């Protein structure tokens, strides 16, 4: 059994009825914690990136065994493909983090007591991203600890979260 975490709506033309597909999280992923919150995309992490890395290593082998302009170009092209894989992931995560920071600033403005609202703009982007896992009830205490210098890194913040808010819709 899977938990529904959202719905995708799609129409195929004017006047056509909308089709809805539920976005589901597998039962094993229903609860998140610090230990289980990392997102692995199997197609990317375990196929695309290893194939691109093996391709670059193979191109390096070719350039060592039979140096030529062609094999040198294969190394350059293999390195470019591997870099493209890394950069595409970094760009997706950067956009995701920007959206998370915006969402968290809005959530903090709505949930923090008035005396802590001034601290929102002092939070680093990594701190804001880490706070997304904290429940509304514990946000004020965490922001006080951050403002007091007792919590600084994203890891420290995530480790302090007691009631974990899962984030299923991540890149």
Protein backbone atom coordinates (compact mmCIF):
# COMPACT_ATOMS: atom_id res chain seq x y z
CA UNK A 1 0.00 0.00 0.00
CA UNK A 2 1.34 3.44 -0.90
CA UNK A 3 0.57 6.84 0.57
CA UNK A 4 -0.70 9.54 -1.80
CA UNK A 5 1.51 12.64 -1.68
CA UNK A 6 -0.08 14.66 -4.49
CA UNK A 7 -2.04 14.46 -7.74
CA UNK A 8 -1.05 15.19 -11.36
CA UNK A 9 -3.87 16.56 -13.55
CA UNK A 10 -3.68 16.14 -17.34
CA UNK A 11 -5.98 16.90 -20.29
CA UNK A 12 -5.29 15.84 -23.85
CA UNK A 13 -7.25 18.52 -25.64
CA UNK A 14 -10.01 21.10 -25.38
CA UNK A 15 -13.22 19.62 -24.05
CA UNK A 16 -11.47 16.41 -22.98
CA UNK A 17 -12.02 15.26 -19.40
CA UNK A 18 -9.10 15.70 -17.02
CA UNK A 19 -7.23 12.58 -15.99
CA UNK A 20 -5.75 12.45 -12.51
CA UNK A 21 -2.77 10.32 -11.48
CA UNK A 22 -1.94 10.12 -7.79
CA UNK A 23 1.72 10.65 -6.87
CA UNK A 24 2.50 7.93 -4.38
CA UNK A 25 5.32 7.24 -1.98
CA UNK A 26 6.14 3.57 -1.44
CA UNK A 27 5.22 2.15 1.96
CA UNK A 28 8.91 1.87 2.93
CA UNK A 29 9.31 5.62 2.38
CA UNK A 30 6.23 6.75 4.32
CA UNK A 31 8.32 7.95 7.24
CA UNK A 32 11.44 10.01 6.87
CA UNK A 33 14.19 10.70 9.36
CA UNK A 34 17.68 12.09 9.28
CA UNK A 35 18.95 8.63 8.33
CA UNK A 36 16.41 8.04 5.55
CA UNK A 37 15.82 11.47 3.99
CA UNK A 38 18.47 11.31 1.24
CA UNK A 39 16.90 11.08 -2.21
CA UNK A 40 18.46 8.61 -4.62
CA UNK A 41 17.30 8.62 -8.23
CA UNK A 42 18.28 5.12 -9.36
CA UNK A 43 18.30 5.93 -13.08
CA UNK A 44 20.59 8.90 -12.49
CA UNK A 45 22.78 7.77 -9.59
CA UNK A 46 23.16 4.11 -10.51
CA UNK A 47 22.97 4.14 -14.32
CA UNK A 48 23.60 7.50 -16.03
CA UNK A 49 26.48 8.73 -13.88
CA UNK A 50 28.31 5.37 -13.68
CA UNK A 51 28.00 4.91 -17.47
CA UNK A 52 29.36 8.42 -18.09
CA UNK A 53 32.24 7.79 -15.68
CA UNK A 54 33.07 4.43 -17.30
CA UNK A 55 32.93 6.14 -20.70
CA UNK A 56 35.50 8.72 -19.57
CA UNK A 57 37.77 6.04 -18.08
CA UNK A 58 37.50 4.04 -21.31
CA UNK A 59 38.37 7.14 -23.36
CA UNK A 60 41.41 7.73 -21.14
CA UNK A 61 42.45 4.12 -21.71
CA UNK A 62 42.17 4.63 -25.47
CA UNK A 63 44.25 7.81 -25.43
CA UNK A 64 46.99 6.02 -23.46
CA UNK A 65 46.97 2.93 -25.71
CA UNK A 66 46.72 4.74 -29.05
CA UNK A 67 47.30 8.50 -28.72
CA UNK A 68 45.75 10.51 -31.52
CA UNK A 69 43.60 13.58 -32.02
CA UNK A 70 40.57 11.33 -32.22
CA UNK A 71 41.23 9.57 -28.88
CA UNK A 72 42.12 12.91 -27.26
CA UNK A 73 38.78 14.25 -28.49
CA UNK A 74 37.03 11.21 -26.99
CA UNK A 75 38.53 12.14 -23.59
CA UNK A 76 37.36 15.76 -23.95
CA UNK A 77 33.90 14.65 -25.06
CA UNK A 78 33.66 12.05 -22.26
CA UNK A 79 34.67 14.67 -19.69
CA UNK A 80 32.08 17.08 -21.12
CA UNK A 81 29.32 14.44 -20.86
CA UNK A 82 30.26 13.64 -17.27
CA UNK A 83 30.32 17.37 -16.43
CA UNK A 84 26.90 17.74 -18.09
CA UNK A 85 25.55 15.02 -15.80
CA UNK A 86 26.92 16.71 -12.69
CA UNK A 87 25.81 20.19 -13.73
CA UNK A 88 22.29 19.06 -14.61
CA UNK A 89 21.90 17.61 -11.12
CA UNK A 90 23.40 20.70 -9.47
CA UNK A 91 21.08 23.01 -11.42
CA UNK A 92 18.00 20.99 -10.46
CA UNK A 93 19.03 20.99 -6.80
CA UNK A 94 19.79 24.73 -6.90
CA UNK A 95 16.31 25.52 -8.22
CA UNK A 96 14.78 23.17 -5.66
CA UNK A 97 16.70 24.89 -2.85
CA UNK A 98 15.54 28.32 -4.03
CA UNK A 99 11.92 27.18 -3.90
CA UNK A 100 12.43 25.57 -0.48
CA UNK A 101 14.01 28.78 0.86
CA UNK A 102 11.01 30.79 -0.35
CA UNK A 103 8.54 28.29 1.14
CA UNK A 104 10.39 28.23 4.45
CA UNK A 105 10.58 32.02 4.73
CA UNK A 106 6.82 32.17 4.20
CA UNK A 107 6.22 29.38 6.70
CA UNK A 108 8.51 31.00 9.28
CA UNK A 109 6.74 34.37 8.91
CA UNK A 110 3.42 32.62 9.60
CA UNK A 111 4.52 30.38 12.47
CA UNK A 112 7.25 32.19 14.43
CA UNK A 113 6.42 34.49 17.33
CA UNK A 114 6.91 38.20 16.59
CA UNK A 115 10.22 38.38 18.50
CA UNK A 116 11.81 35.79 16.18
CA UNK A 117 10.53 37.07 12.81
CA UNK A 118 13.50 39.47 12.58
CA UNK A 119 15.85 36.43 12.60
CA UNK A 120 14.43 34.99 9.39
CA UNK A 121 16.61 37.10 7.11
CA UNK A 122 19.73 36.17 9.12
CA UNK A 123 19.27 32.45 8.40
CA UNK A 124 21.60 31.05 5.75
CA UNK A 125 20.17 29.23 2.77
CA UNK A 126 21.47 25.88 4.14
CA UNK A 127 19.77 26.56 7.50
CA UNK A 128 16.48 27.38 5.77
CA UNK A 129 16.67 24.22 3.67
CA UNK A 130 17.38 22.13 6.78
CA UNK A 131 14.47 23.70 8.70
CA UNK A 132 11.97 22.37 6.16
CA UNK A 133 12.03 19.01 7.96
CA UNK A 134 11.05 20.52 11.33
CA UNK A 135 7.43 20.54 12.47
CA UNK A 136 5.75 23.89 13.04
CA UNK A 137 5.74 23.23 16.79
CA UNK A 138 9.53 23.02 17.03
CA UNK A 139 10.46 25.81 14.58
CA UNK A 140 10.62 28.57 17.19
CA UNK A 141 12.99 26.63 19.45
CA UNK A 142 15.25 25.71 16.52
CA UNK A 143 15.40 29.32 15.26
CA UNK A 144 16.24 30.48 18.81
CA UNK A 145 19.09 27.96 18.94
CA UNK A 146 20.35 29.06 15.52
CA UNK A 147 20.16 32.75 16.50
CA UNK A 148 21.96 31.95 19.76
CA UNK A 149 24.80 30.27 17.88
CA UNK A 150 24.10 26.80 19.29
CA UNK A 151 23.14 25.37 15.88
CA UNK A 152 24.98 26.36 12.73
CA UNK A 153 25.12 23.59 10.16
CA UNK A 154 22.32 21.88 8.28
CA UNK A 155 23.36 18.56 9.79
CA UNK A 156 23.10 19.93 13.35
CA UNK A 157 19.64 21.32 12.59
CA UNK A 158 18.38 18.09 11.03
CA UNK A 159 19.77 16.02 13.90
CA UNK A 160 17.86 18.21 16.40
CA UNK A 161 14.48 17.77 14.64
CA UNK A 162 12.17 15.64 16.80
CA UNK A 163 9.02 15.54 14.68
CA UNK A 164 10.22 15.05 11.11
CA UNK A 165 8.14 16.59 8.28
CA UNK A 166 8.72 14.36 5.25
CA UNK A 167 9.56 15.97 1.91
CA UNK A 168 8.42 13.62 -0.85
CA UNK A 169 8.51 15.96 -3.83
CA UNK A 170 12.24 16.49 -4.17
CA UNK A 171 14.48 16.52 -7.22
